Amino acid sequence: MRVIELLDGERARVEMGGVEKTVSLTLVDGVAAGDYVIVHVGFAITRLDAVEAKKTLALFAEIADRLNIDLKLESGDEVHQ
């Protein structure tokens, strides 16, 4: 998920595929707006660099394509396969 806004109290608003949610950043240091994080049960558990995040999103898109699922990625994410 991409961090779109840092909030007070070690929280952030994140987004993926048009879905936004608020998550806790207490387990991950140094997160900034624009970073990508892996989220589990409301907590960001690790930060991904942009290259790794794009690869992960491309993998999700490939899986969705093979399963014939419409996967809505973030508008700024271009997936190259």
N, C-alpha and C. Protein backbone atom coordinates (compact mmCIF):
# COMPACT_ATOMS: atom_id res chain seq x y z
N MET A 1 0.85 -1.17 0.00
CA MET A 1 0.00 0.00 0.00
C MET A 1 0.90 1.23 0.00
N ARG A 2 0.43 2.27 -0.68
CA ARG A 2 1.21 3.50 -0.76
C ARG A 2 0.73 4.46 0.33
N VAL A 3 1.68 5.05 1.04
CA VAL A 3 1.37 6.03 2.08
C VAL A 3 1.01 7.34 1.38
N ILE A 4 -0.21 7.82 1.63
CA ILE A 4 -0.62 9.06 1.00
C ILE A 4 -0.62 10.25 1.96
N GLU A 5 -0.62 9.96 3.27
CA GLU A 5 -0.59 11.05 4.24
C GLU A 5 -0.15 10.52 5.60
N LEU A 6 0.77 11.24 6.24
CA LEU A 6 1.13 10.92 7.61
C LEU A 6 0.16 11.63 8.54
N LEU A 7 -0.30 10.91 9.55
CA LEU A 7 -1.24 11.46 10.52
C LEU A 7 -0.55 11.53 11.87
N ASP A 8 -1.19 12.16 12.83
CA ASP A 8 -0.62 12.23 14.18
C ASP A 8 -0.70 10.87 14.87
N GLY A 9 0.09 10.69 15.90
CA GLY A 9 0.03 9.47 16.69
C GLY A 9 0.55 8.24 15.99
N GLU A 10 1.60 8.38 15.19
CA GLU A 10 2.21 7.25 14.48
C GLU A 10 1.20 6.49 13.62
N ARG A 11 0.39 7.24 12.90
CA ARG A 11 -0.58 6.65 11.99
C ARG A 11 -0.39 7.27 10.61
N ALA A 12 -0.89 6.57 9.60
CA ALA A 12 -0.84 7.07 8.23
C ALA A 12 -2.07 6.63 7.47
N ARG A 13 -2.42 7.41 6.46
CA ARG A 13 -3.47 7.01 5.54
C ARG A 13 -2.77 6.38 4.35
N VAL A 14 -3.20 5.17 3.99
CA VAL A 14 -2.60 4.42 2.89
C VAL A 14 -3.67 4.09 1.86
N GLU A 15 -3.20 3.76 0.62
CA GLU A 15 -4.15 3.50 -0.45
C GLU A 15 -3.59 2.44 -1.39
N MET A 16 -4.51 1.61 -1.88
CA MET A 16 -4.18 0.66 -2.93
C MET A 16 -5.45 0.34 -3.68
N GLY A 17 -5.39 0.48 -4.98
CA GLY A 17 -6.55 0.16 -5.81
C GLY A 17 -7.78 0.97 -5.50
N GLY A 18 -7.59 2.21 -5.05
CA GLY A 18 -8.72 3.07 -4.74
C GLY A 18 -9.28 2.89 -3.34
N VAL A 19 -8.75 1.94 -2.60
CA VAL A 19 -9.20 1.69 -1.23
C VAL A 19 -8.23 2.39 -0.27
N GLU A 20 -8.76 3.25 0.59
CA GLU A 20 -7.95 3.95 1.57
C GLU A 20 -8.27 3.43 2.96
N LYS A 21 -7.23 3.42 3.81
CA LYS A 21 -7.44 3.04 5.21
C LYS A 21 -6.39 3.71 6.05
N THR A 22 -6.64 3.77 7.33
CA THR A 22 -5.67 4.31 8.29
C THR A 22 -4.99 3.14 8.96
N VAL A 23 -3.64 3.22 9.04
CA VAL A 23 -2.87 2.14 9.64
C VAL A 23 -1.90 2.71 10.67
N SER A 24 -1.45 1.84 11.54
CA SER A 24 -0.45 2.21 12.54
C SER A 24 0.96 2.07 11.96
N LEU A 25 1.83 3.01 12.30
CA LEU A 25 3.23 2.95 11.87
C LEU A 25 4.17 2.61 13.03
N THR A 26 3.62 2.15 14.14
CA THR A 26 4.45 1.91 15.33
C THR A 26 5.52 0.85 15.13
N LEU A 27 5.36 -0.03 14.17
CA LEU A 27 6.33 -1.11 13.95
C LEU A 27 7.39 -0.79 12.90
N VAL A 28 7.26 0.36 12.21
CA VAL A 28 8.16 0.69 11.11
C VAL A 28 8.67 2.12 11.30
N ASP A 29 9.98 2.30 11.23
CA ASP A 29 10.58 3.62 11.37
C ASP A 29 10.81 4.28 10.02
N GLY A 30 10.80 5.59 10.02
CA GLY A 30 11.21 6.35 8.85
C GLY A 30 10.28 6.33 7.67
N VAL A 31 9.00 6.11 7.88
CA VAL A 31 8.04 6.08 6.77
C VAL A 31 7.67 7.52 6.41
N ALA A 32 7.63 7.79 5.10
CA ALA A 32 7.25 9.11 4.60
C ALA A 32 6.13 8.97 3.58
N ALA A 33 5.44 10.06 3.33
CA ALA A 33 4.41 10.07 2.29
C ALA A 33 5.05 9.67 0.97
N GLY A 34 4.38 8.79 0.24
CA GLY A 34 4.91 8.29 -1.03
C GLY A 34 5.60 6.95 -0.90
N ASP A 35 5.96 6.56 0.33
CA ASP A 35 6.57 5.24 0.55
C ASP A 35 5.51 4.15 0.38
N TYR A 36 5.98 2.94 0.18
CA TYR A 36 5.12 1.77 0.11
C TYR A 36 5.36 0.92 1.34
N VAL A 37 4.28 0.38 1.90
CA VAL A 37 4.38 -0.46 3.09
C VAL A 37 3.55 -1.71 2.89
N ILE A 38 3.96 -2.77 3.56
CA ILE A 38 3.14 -3.98 3.65
C ILE A 38 2.35 -3.86 4.93
N VAL A 39 1.03 -4.08 4.83
CA VAL A 39 0.13 -3.90 5.97
C VAL A 39 -0.48 -5.24 6.34
N HIS A 40 -0.50 -5.50 7.66
CA HIS A 40 -1.16 -6.70 8.18
C HIS A 40 -1.95 -6.30 9.40
N VAL A 41 -3.22 -6.64 9.42
CA VAL A 41 -4.18 -6.35 10.49
C VAL A 41 -4.06 -4.93 11.04
N GLY A 42 -3.96 -3.96 10.13
CA GLY A 42 -3.95 -2.56 10.53
C GLY A 42 -2.61 -1.98 10.90
N PHE A 43 -1.54 -2.77 10.78
CA PHE A 43 -0.20 -2.29 11.11
C PHE A 43 0.70 -2.39 9.88
N ALA A 44 1.43 -1.32 9.60
CA ALA A 44 2.48 -1.41 8.59
C ALA A 44 3.58 -2.25 9.22
N ILE A 45 4.00 -3.33 8.54
CA ILE A 45 4.99 -4.22 9.14
C ILE A 45 6.35 -4.11 8.47
N THR A 46 6.42 -3.52 7.29
CA THR A 46 7.70 -3.26 6.64
C THR A 46 7.52 -2.21 5.57
N ARG A 47 8.61 -1.54 5.25
CA ARG A 47 8.60 -0.53 4.18
C ARG A 47 9.30 -1.13 2.98
N LEU A 48 8.76 -0.90 1.80
CA LEU A 48 9.35 -1.38 0.55
C LEU A 48 9.93 -0.21 -0.22
N ASP A 49 11.05 -0.45 -0.92
CA ASP A 49 11.51 0.61 -1.81
C ASP A 49 10.60 0.62 -3.03
N ALA A 50 10.63 1.71 -3.77
CA ALA A 50 9.70 1.89 -4.89
C ALA A 50 9.85 0.81 -5.95
N VAL A 51 11.08 0.38 -6.23
CA VAL A 51 11.31 -0.65 -7.25
C VAL A 51 10.68 -1.97 -6.82
N GLU A 52 10.90 -2.35 -5.58
CA GLU A 52 10.33 -3.60 -5.07
C GLU A 52 8.80 -3.53 -5.04
N ALA A 53 8.27 -2.37 -4.66
CA ALA A 53 6.81 -2.21 -4.63
C ALA A 53 6.23 -2.34 -6.03
N LYS A 54 6.87 -1.74 -7.03
CA LYS A 54 6.37 -1.84 -8.42
C LYS A 54 6.40 -3.29 -8.90
N LYS A 55 7.45 -4.04 -8.52
CA LYS A 55 7.53 -5.46 -8.91
C LYS A 55 6.38 -6.24 -8.27
N THR A 56 6.10 -5.94 -7.01
CA THR A 56 5.02 -6.63 -6.30
C THR A 56 3.67 -6.31 -6.95
N LEU A 57 3.44 -5.04 -7.28
CA LEU A 57 2.19 -4.66 -7.93
C LEU A 57 2.06 -5.32 -9.30
N ALA A 58 3.18 -5.43 -10.03
CA ALA A 58 3.15 -6.11 -11.33
C ALA A 58 2.80 -7.58 -11.17
N LEU A 59 3.32 -8.21 -10.12
CA LEU A 59 3.00 -9.61 -9.85
C LEU A 59 1.52 -9.77 -9.53
N PHE A 60 0.97 -8.86 -8.70
CA PHE A 60 -0.46 -8.90 -8.40
C PHE A 60 -1.28 -8.75 -9.68
N ALA A 61 -0.87 -7.83 -10.55
CA ALA A 61 -1.59 -7.62 -11.81
C ALA A 61 -1.54 -8.85 -12.69
N GLU A 62 -0.39 -9.52 -12.73
CA GLU A 62 -0.26 -10.74 -13.54
C GLU A 62 -1.15 -11.86 -13.00
N ILE A 63 -1.17 -12.01 -11.69
CA ILE A 63 -2.02 -13.03 -11.07
C ILE A 63 -3.48 -12.73 -11.36
N ALA A 64 -3.88 -11.46 -11.19
CA ALA A 64 -5.27 -11.08 -11.46
C ALA A 64 -5.63 -11.32 -12.91
N ASP A 65 -4.69 -11.01 -13.82
CA ASP A 65 -4.94 -11.22 -15.24
C ASP A 65 -5.16 -12.70 -15.53
N ARG A 66 -4.34 -13.55 -14.94
CA ARG A 66 -4.47 -14.99 -15.17
C ARG A 66 -5.76 -15.55 -14.58
N LEU A 67 -6.24 -14.90 -13.51
CA LEU A 67 -7.49 -15.33 -12.90
C LEU A 67 -8.69 -14.58 -13.47
N ASN A 68 -8.41 -13.69 -14.45
CA ASN A 68 -9.44 -12.90 -15.09
C ASN A 68 -10.19 -12.03 -14.09
N ILE A 69 -9.42 -11.35 -13.22
CA ILE A 69 -9.97 -10.46 -12.20
C ILE A 69 -9.58 -9.03 -12.57
N ASP A 70 -10.51 -8.08 -12.42
CA ASP A 70 -10.21 -6.68 -12.68
C ASP A 70 -9.53 -6.09 -11.45
N LEU A 71 -8.22 -5.88 -11.53
CA LEU A 71 -7.44 -5.34 -10.42
C LEU A 71 -7.23 -3.86 -10.67
N LYS A 72 -7.70 -3.01 -9.77
CA LYS A 72 -7.55 -1.57 -9.92
C LYS A 72 -6.30 -1.14 -9.16
N LEU A 73 -5.27 -0.77 -9.92
CA LEU A 73 -4.05 -0.28 -9.31
C LEU A 73 -4.12 1.21 -9.14
N GLU A 74 -3.19 1.76 -8.35
CA GLU A 74 -3.14 3.19 -8.14
C GLU A 74 -2.92 3.89 -9.47
N SER A 75 -3.52 5.04 -9.63
CA SER A 75 -3.44 5.74 -10.91
C SER A 75 -2.02 6.08 -11.30
N GLY A 76 -1.13 6.31 -10.35
CA GLY A 76 0.25 6.67 -10.67
C GLY A 76 1.15 5.48 -10.91
N ASP A 77 0.66 4.28 -10.70
CA ASP A 77 1.48 3.09 -10.85
C ASP A 77 1.30 2.49 -12.23
N GLU A 78 2.35 2.56 -13.01
CA GLU A 78 2.33 1.90 -14.30
C GLU A 78 3.00 0.55 -14.13
N VAL A 79 2.31 -0.49 -14.52
CA VAL A 79 2.83 -1.83 -14.37
C VAL A 79 3.37 -2.28 -15.72
N HIS A 80 4.68 -2.56 -15.76
CA HIS A 80 5.31 -3.04 -16.98
C HIS A 80 5.66 -4.50 -16.80
N GLN A 81 5.22 -5.33 -17.72
CA GLN A 81 5.49 -6.76 -17.61
C GLN A 81 6.36 -7.21 -18.74
